[in-house]
Protein backbone atom coordinates (compact mmCIF):
# COMPACT_ATOMS: atom_id res chain seq x y z
CA MET A 1 132.12 102.05 23.57
CA THR A 2 135.16 101.24 24.78
CA CYS A 3 138.14 102.67 27.14
CA PRO A 4 141.09 103.53 25.83
CA MET A 5 142.74 101.41 28.66
CA ASN A 6 146.69 101.72 28.14
CA GLU A 7 146.38 105.68 27.77
CA ILE A 8 143.95 106.32 31.37
CA ALA A 9 143.56 103.61 33.36
CA PRO A 10 145.26 103.01 36.43
CA HIS A 11 148.68 101.77 35.60
CA SER A 12 149.31 97.79 35.41
CA PRO A 13 152.23 97.21 37.92
CA GLY A 14 152.55 94.64 35.22
CA ARG A 15 153.35 96.69 32.60
CA SER A 16 155.11 99.65 34.17
CA GLY A 17 157.39 97.97 36.52
CA ARG A 18 156.45 100.87 39.07
CA SER A 19 153.76 100.35 41.90
CA VAL A 20 150.50 102.88 41.40
CA PRO A 21 151.08 105.81 43.90
CA ILE A 22 147.55 106.45 45.40
CA ILE A 23 145.63 108.90 47.95
CA LEU A 24 142.74 106.99 49.92
CA ASP A 25 139.26 109.40 50.36
CA THR A 26 137.40 107.87 52.66
CA ASP A 27 134.65 107.90 54.95
CA LEU A 28 135.45 105.47 57.79
CA ASP A 29 133.08 105.87 60.56
CA THR A 30 129.95 104.29 59.74
CA ASP A 31 130.80 101.47 57.30
CA CYS A 32 133.01 98.60 57.83
CA ASP A 33 133.98 98.04 53.83
CA ASP A 34 135.84 101.10 54.36
CA ALA A 35 138.35 99.31 57.36
CA GLY A 36 138.43 96.51 54.89
CA ALA A 37 139.64 99.20 51.88
CA LEU A 38 142.65 100.54 54.04
CA ALA A 39 143.70 96.83 54.63
CA VAL A 40 143.16 95.57 50.63
CA LEU A 41 145.42 98.71 49.85
CA HIS A 42 147.76 97.98 52.78
CA HIS A 43 148.48 94.67 51.35
CA LEU A 44 148.24 95.91 47.50
CA ALA A 45 151.49 98.12 48.96
CA ASP A 46 153.35 95.04 50.30
CA ALA A 47 152.56 93.18 47.23
CA GLY A 48 154.43 96.00 45.12
CA ARG A 49 151.45 97.76 43.62
CA ALA A 50 150.56 99.99 45.12
CA ARG A 51 152.51 103.15 46.67
CA ILE A 52 150.38 104.93 49.67
CA LEU A 53 151.31 108.73 49.16
CA GLY A 54 148.62 109.38 52.21
CA VAL A 55 144.91 109.22 53.79
CA VAL A 56 142.29 111.58 53.62
CA CYS A 57 138.82 110.84 55.79
CA ASP A 58 136.01 113.17 54.41
CA ALA A 59 133.61 112.39 56.88
CA PRO A 60 132.58 114.68 59.36
CA ALA A 61 133.27 112.43 62.73
CA PRO A 62 135.54 113.07 65.48
CA HIS A 63 137.95 110.11 65.69
CA ALA A 64 137.99 108.91 62.22
CA GLY A 65 141.60 110.03 61.38
CA ALA A 66 142.94 108.53 64.59
CA ALA A 67 141.01 105.64 63.50
CA ALA A 68 142.72 105.53 59.91
CA ALA A 69 146.38 106.03 61.91
CA ALA A 70 145.59 102.77 64.17
CA LEU A 71 145.16 100.89 61.00
CA ASN A 72 148.16 102.38 59.35
CA ALA A 73 150.29 101.20 61.92
CA HIS A 74 148.71 97.96 62.26
CA PHE A 75 149.46 97.51 59.01
CA GLY A 76 152.89 98.66 59.62
CA ARG A 77 153.11 102.53 57.70
CA PRO A 78 152.56 104.28 61.07
CA LYS A 79 153.98 107.24 59.37
CA LEU A 80 151.97 107.51 56.52
CA PRO A 81 149.91 111.34 56.61
CA VAL A 82 146.34 111.56 57.50
CA ALA A 83 143.87 114.49 57.07
CA GLN A 84 140.01 114.87 58.59
CA CYS A 85 137.61 116.67 57.89
CA ASP A 86 136.65 119.13 60.95
CA PRO A 87 133.95 117.81 62.48
CA SER A 88 132.76 121.21 63.55
CA ARG A 89 132.15 122.41 60.36
CA ALA A 90 129.67 119.72 59.47
CA ALA A 91 126.20 121.76 59.73
CA PRO A 92 125.53 121.69 56.24
CA LEU A 93 126.18 117.67 55.75
CA VAL A 94 122.56 117.10 57.56
CA ASP A 95 121.90 113.87 55.89
CA TYR A 96 125.28 112.31 57.27
CA LEU A 97 124.41 113.66 60.37
CA ALA A 98 121.08 112.47 60.44
CA HIS A 99 122.77 108.79 59.27
CA ARG A 100 125.05 108.82 61.85
CA SER A 101 123.04 109.86 64.67
CA ARG A 102 120.74 106.64 63.65
CA CYS A 103 123.66 104.09 63.84
CA ARG A 104 124.33 102.30 67.45
CA PRO A 105 126.94 103.68 69.34
CA GLU A 106 128.88 100.49 69.42
CA GLN A 107 128.70 100.26 65.54
CA LEU A 108 130.80 103.54 64.79
CA TYR A 109 134.02 101.08 64.90
CA GLY A 110 136.13 104.09 63.86
CA ASP A 111 135.08 106.19 67.48
CA PHE A 112 136.08 103.05 69.51
CA LEU A 113 139.54 102.57 67.50
CA GLY A 114 140.28 106.31 67.51
CA LYS A 115 139.93 106.52 71.31
CA ALA A 116 142.49 103.92 71.92
CA PHE A 117 145.16 104.94 69.88
CA ALA A 118 145.06 108.80 70.50
CA GLU A 119 145.07 108.20 74.33
CA LYS A 120 148.78 106.17 73.70
CA ASN A 121 149.49 107.99 70.54
CA PRO A 122 149.70 111.77 70.07
CA PHE A 123 147.98 112.44 67.17
CA VAL A 124 146.25 115.44 64.99
CA PRO A 125 145.31 114.51 62.06
CA GLU A 126 146.07 117.67 58.99
CA ASP A 127 144.07 119.71 57.14
CA PRO A 128 142.69 117.46 53.42
CA VAL A 129 142.90 120.20 51.55
CA ALA A 130 146.63 121.11 52.50
CA LEU A 131 147.59 117.31 52.57
CA TYR A 132 146.26 116.78 49.19
CA ARG A 133 148.47 120.03 48.01
CA ARG A 134 151.07 118.88 49.44
CA LEU A 135 151.31 115.57 48.19
CA LEU A 136 150.31 116.20 45.03
CA ALA A 137 153.03 118.73 44.03
CA ARG A 138 156.04 116.37 45.26
CA GLU A 139 154.65 113.97 42.59
CA GLU A 140 155.34 113.12 38.87
CA ASP A 141 153.26 114.52 36.98
CA GLY A 142 149.97 112.78 35.90
CA GLY A 143 151.02 110.03 38.32
CA VAL A 144 148.62 109.98 40.85
CA THR A 145 145.46 108.10 41.48
CA ILE A 146 143.26 109.25 43.63
CA CYS A 147 140.79 106.37 45.29
CA ALA A 148 137.63 108.31 46.52
CA ILE A 149 135.50 106.33 48.92
CA GLY A 150 133.25 108.51 50.53
CA LEU A 151 131.70 111.98 50.20
CA LEU A 152 133.20 114.32 47.69
CA GLY A 153 134.04 117.15 49.90
CA PRO A 154 137.57 117.06 50.55
CA LEU A 155 137.87 117.06 46.30
CA ALA A 156 135.75 119.73 45.93
CA ALA A 157 137.50 121.68 48.23
CA LEU A 158 140.74 120.73 46.68
CA LEU A 159 139.71 121.95 42.90
CA GLU A 160 138.51 125.14 44.45
CA SER A 161 142.01 125.53 46.25
CA PRO A 162 144.45 128.55 45.29
CA PRO A 163 148.16 128.58 44.88
CA ASP A 164 150.22 128.47 48.41
CA ALA A 165 153.43 127.37 49.60
CA HIS A 166 153.56 123.64 48.27
CA SER A 167 152.27 124.29 44.50
CA PRO A 168 151.71 128.18 42.41
CA LEU A 169 149.41 126.35 40.72
CA SER A 170 145.39 126.34 41.94
CA GLY A 171 143.69 123.47 42.65
CA ARG A 172 142.23 122.44 39.63
CA GLU A 173 145.13 123.58 37.72
CA LEU A 174 147.55 120.95 40.44
CA VAL A 175 145.05 118.44 39.83
CA SER A 176 145.39 118.98 36.18
CA ARG A 177 149.03 118.64 36.48
CA LYS A 178 149.72 115.44 38.81
CA VAL A 179 146.48 113.17 38.66
CA ARG A 180 146.50 110.86 36.70
CA CYS A 181 142.88 109.80 37.46
CA LEU A 182 139.94 109.61 39.78
CA VAL A 183 138.25 106.51 40.93
CA SER A 184 135.26 106.93 43.02
CA MET A 185 132.61 104.59 44.43
CA ALA A 186 129.08 105.08 43.83
CA ILE A 187 126.22 103.62 42.75
CA ALA A 188 125.57 105.20 39.67
CA GLU A 189 124.01 103.13 37.35
CA THR A 190 123.58 103.29 33.18
CA PRO A 191 121.96 104.97 31.60
CA ARG A 192 120.26 106.62 34.62
CA GLY A 193 119.75 106.83 38.34
CA ARG A 194 120.24 107.94 41.86
CA ASP A 195 123.65 107.31 44.21
CA ARG A 196 121.82 106.03 47.60
CA PHE A 197 125.26 107.14 49.89
CA ASN A 198 128.30 108.35 48.59
CA TRP A 199 127.27 111.32 45.99
CA TRP A 200 124.11 111.70 47.98
CA MET A 201 125.53 112.81 51.78
CA ASP A 202 127.33 115.35 49.55
CA ARG A 203 125.39 116.71 46.51
CA PRO A 204 127.05 119.98 45.85
CA SER A 205 130.44 118.40 45.95
CA ALA A 206 129.59 115.66 43.72
CA ASP A 207 127.75 118.33 42.03
CA ARG A 208 131.19 120.08 41.17
CA VAL A 209 133.56 117.56 41.23
CA LEU A 210 132.05 115.11 38.62
CA HIS A 211 131.33 118.25 36.37
CA ARG A 212 134.54 120.21 37.16
CA TRP A 213 137.24 117.56 37.47
CA PRO A 214 139.63 117.54 34.95
CA THR A 215 140.66 113.62 34.58
CA PRO A 216 139.30 110.71 33.82
CA ILE A 217 137.10 109.45 36.22
CA PHE A 218 136.27 106.07 36.90
CA ILE A 219 132.99 105.09 38.75
CA GLN A 220 133.10 101.91 40.89
CA PRO A 221 129.13 100.21 41.94
CA HIS A 222 129.80 97.09 42.64
CA GLY A 223 129.84 94.92 46.11
CA GLU A 224 126.49 94.20 46.63
CA GLN A 225 126.91 90.63 45.42
CA ILE A 226 130.42 90.37 46.73
CA PRO A 227 130.06 89.93 50.72
CA THR A 228 133.29 89.09 52.79
CA GLY A 229 134.25 89.40 56.20
CA ALA A 230 132.54 86.31 57.94
CA ASP A 231 135.45 84.05 58.02
CA PHE A 232 138.37 85.94 59.52
CA GLN A 233 135.98 87.33 62.14
CA THR A 234 136.89 84.21 63.59
CA THR A 235 140.70 83.33 62.83
CA LEU A 236 142.02 86.81 63.25
CA PRO A 237 142.80 87.83 66.53
CA ALA A 238 140.51 89.02 69.03
CA GLU A 239 142.35 92.48 69.47
CA ASP A 240 143.39 93.02 65.54
CA PRO A 241 141.65 96.62 64.40
CA LEU A 242 140.28 95.06 61.04
CA ARG A 243 138.06 92.00 63.26
CA ILE A 244 137.51 94.92 65.46
CA ALA A 245 135.54 96.77 62.52
CA PHE A 246 133.61 94.17 61.63
CA GLU A 247 132.35 92.57 64.25
CA ARG A 248 131.32 96.19 66.13
CA PHE A 249 129.56 97.59 63.01
CA LEU A 250 128.16 93.88 61.74
CA GLY A 251 126.91 92.94 65.57
CA GLY A 252 128.89 90.14 66.06
CA GLY A 253 131.01 87.90 64.38
CA GLY A 254 129.78 85.65 61.72
CA ARG A 255 128.42 87.78 59.13
CA SER A 256 129.70 89.14 56.08
CA ARG A 257 129.23 92.75 54.79
CA PRO A 258 129.38 93.82 50.77
CA SER A 259 132.67 95.04 49.70
CA TRP A 260 132.01 98.06 47.63
CA ASP A 261 134.81 100.29 48.62
CA GLN A 262 137.04 97.15 48.66
CA LEU A 263 136.83 96.26 44.87
CA THR A 264 137.06 100.50 44.07
CA VAL A 265 140.61 99.98 45.68
CA LEU A 266 141.67 97.13 44.00
CA TRP A 267 140.69 98.59 40.60
CA ALA A 268 142.77 101.98 41.40
CA ALA A 269 145.64 99.84 41.68
CA LEU A 270 145.16 96.59 39.16
CA GLY A 271 142.98 97.94 36.64
CA GLU A 272 141.70 95.04 34.86
CA ALA A 273 143.66 92.69 36.77
CA SER A 274 141.04 93.49 39.60
CA GLY A 275 138.09 91.15 38.02
CA LEU A 276 136.48 94.37 36.54
CA ARG A 277 136.35 96.30 33.42
CA VAL A 278 134.76 99.69 31.72
CA ASP A 279 131.58 98.91 30.25
CA PHE A 280 130.48 102.79 29.23
CA GLU A 281 132.86 105.89 28.32
CA GLY A 282 131.31 108.97 28.30
CA GLY A 283 130.37 111.77 29.76
CA LEU A 284 128.12 112.11 32.77
CA ARG A 285 125.70 114.97 34.16
CA TYR A 286 124.48 115.42 37.69
CA HIS A 287 121.62 117.58 39.52
CA ALA A 288 122.54 118.51 42.50
CA GLU A 289 119.45 119.18 43.95
CA THR A 290 117.89 115.90 43.24
CA GLY A 291 120.89 114.06 43.45
CA GLU A 292 120.08 112.07 40.00
CA HIS A 293 122.51 111.65 36.88
CA GLU A 294 122.42 110.66 33.42
CA TRP A 295 125.19 108.99 31.21
CA LEU A 296 125.88 110.56 27.99
CA GLU A 297 127.36 109.20 24.81
CA ALA A 298 129.91 112.35 24.79
CA PRO A 299 132.06 113.75 27.65
CA ILE A 300 131.03 117.14 28.61
CA ALA A 301 135.11 117.16 29.62
CA ALA A 302 137.14 114.15 30.30
CA PRO A 303 135.81 110.96 30.15
CA ARG A 304 133.72 109.47 32.82
CA MET A 305 134.39 105.58 32.97
CA HIS A 306 131.34 102.92 34.04
CA LEU A 307 133.06 99.69 36.00
CA GLY A 308 131.38 96.28 35.28
CA LEU A 309 132.34 92.78 36.33
CA ARG A 310 134.79 90.98 34.68
CA ASP A 311 134.91 88.13 36.81
CA SER A 312 132.33 86.12 38.46
CA PRO A 313 131.39 87.29 41.69
CA ARG A 314 132.73 84.26 43.36
CA ALA A 315 135.81 84.89 41.97
CA LEU A 316 135.71 88.75 43.33
CA THR A 317 134.65 87.24 47.00
CA ARG A 318 138.43 85.14 47.01
CA LEU A 319 140.32 88.21 45.23
CA VAL A 320 138.94 90.65 47.98
CA GLU A 321 139.55 88.57 50.93
CA SER A 322 143.07 87.07 50.03
CA TYR A 323 144.09 91.21 49.75
CA MET A 324 142.06 92.08 52.88
CA LEU A 325 144.06 89.49 54.63
CA GLY A 326 147.48 89.61 52.48
CA VAL A 327 147.22 85.76 51.82
CA SER A 328 149.04 85.03 48.85
CA VAL A 329 148.71 87.82 46.83
CA THR A 330 151.86 88.72 44.53
């Protein structure tokens, strides 16, 4: 099946004449591609192709919000609102906490960046659901793209949120009215498979979002064959937070990392101009107990779309690198 791109894909700035309003939902903590994705998003905004509404940090990491704020300030948007999950409520996320404990301390670049930023800048992160509701309530109906490159806990909580001072609508009603689409990064092979990180780390939340989210979901599984980061670690200044994120996570300069999250952000803002395309449209069933999923010919609710590569990995590597660095992007 093919996707009616003109109806439900992210806006193409070339067609609409407007930048895409995007909320980034990120597990900025244990992988440097999240920092790369935030760099891509800022340079998309610089080029007039995205309008960043806010950043939600969905991992139970104590300094993730401050690290996101540090990157936002570095890229010239110090006043962007940032939300962070409460690390003290992370006990149910046993798989994530175990994964984090296996990282070398120096790999946790978010702790390094966040601590350094908070020492010099007063920073109090917002609550994720409250920030989502505030940002969505003030946007035009059907306009917002949510780009989720991490765990789906805040989105599940948003769906289940009650009316508040920002909106008389329930969370699911608010999403239905304000959100154009959700873009989720996950290794969600067709016709069936099991994502190994983003959905796996919070399977109950993935279950609720994938089955109950009322707007189309685009699922972006690629990045393994698109390595980036090695070159700019020797060209950016030593104090550049993007360089720090890659060097600390990778254990030194000159190494690359797959670009899962950067590609997801590019699709959220550019649609098919990102070098990706929809290769399957239908339904998706997720099994929280096992983390397994299966694609269905017919949607259960709103359509779920699986993305494939339209351009070559080499071309996509060049595109991702250019947007991470803000070089020759228009």
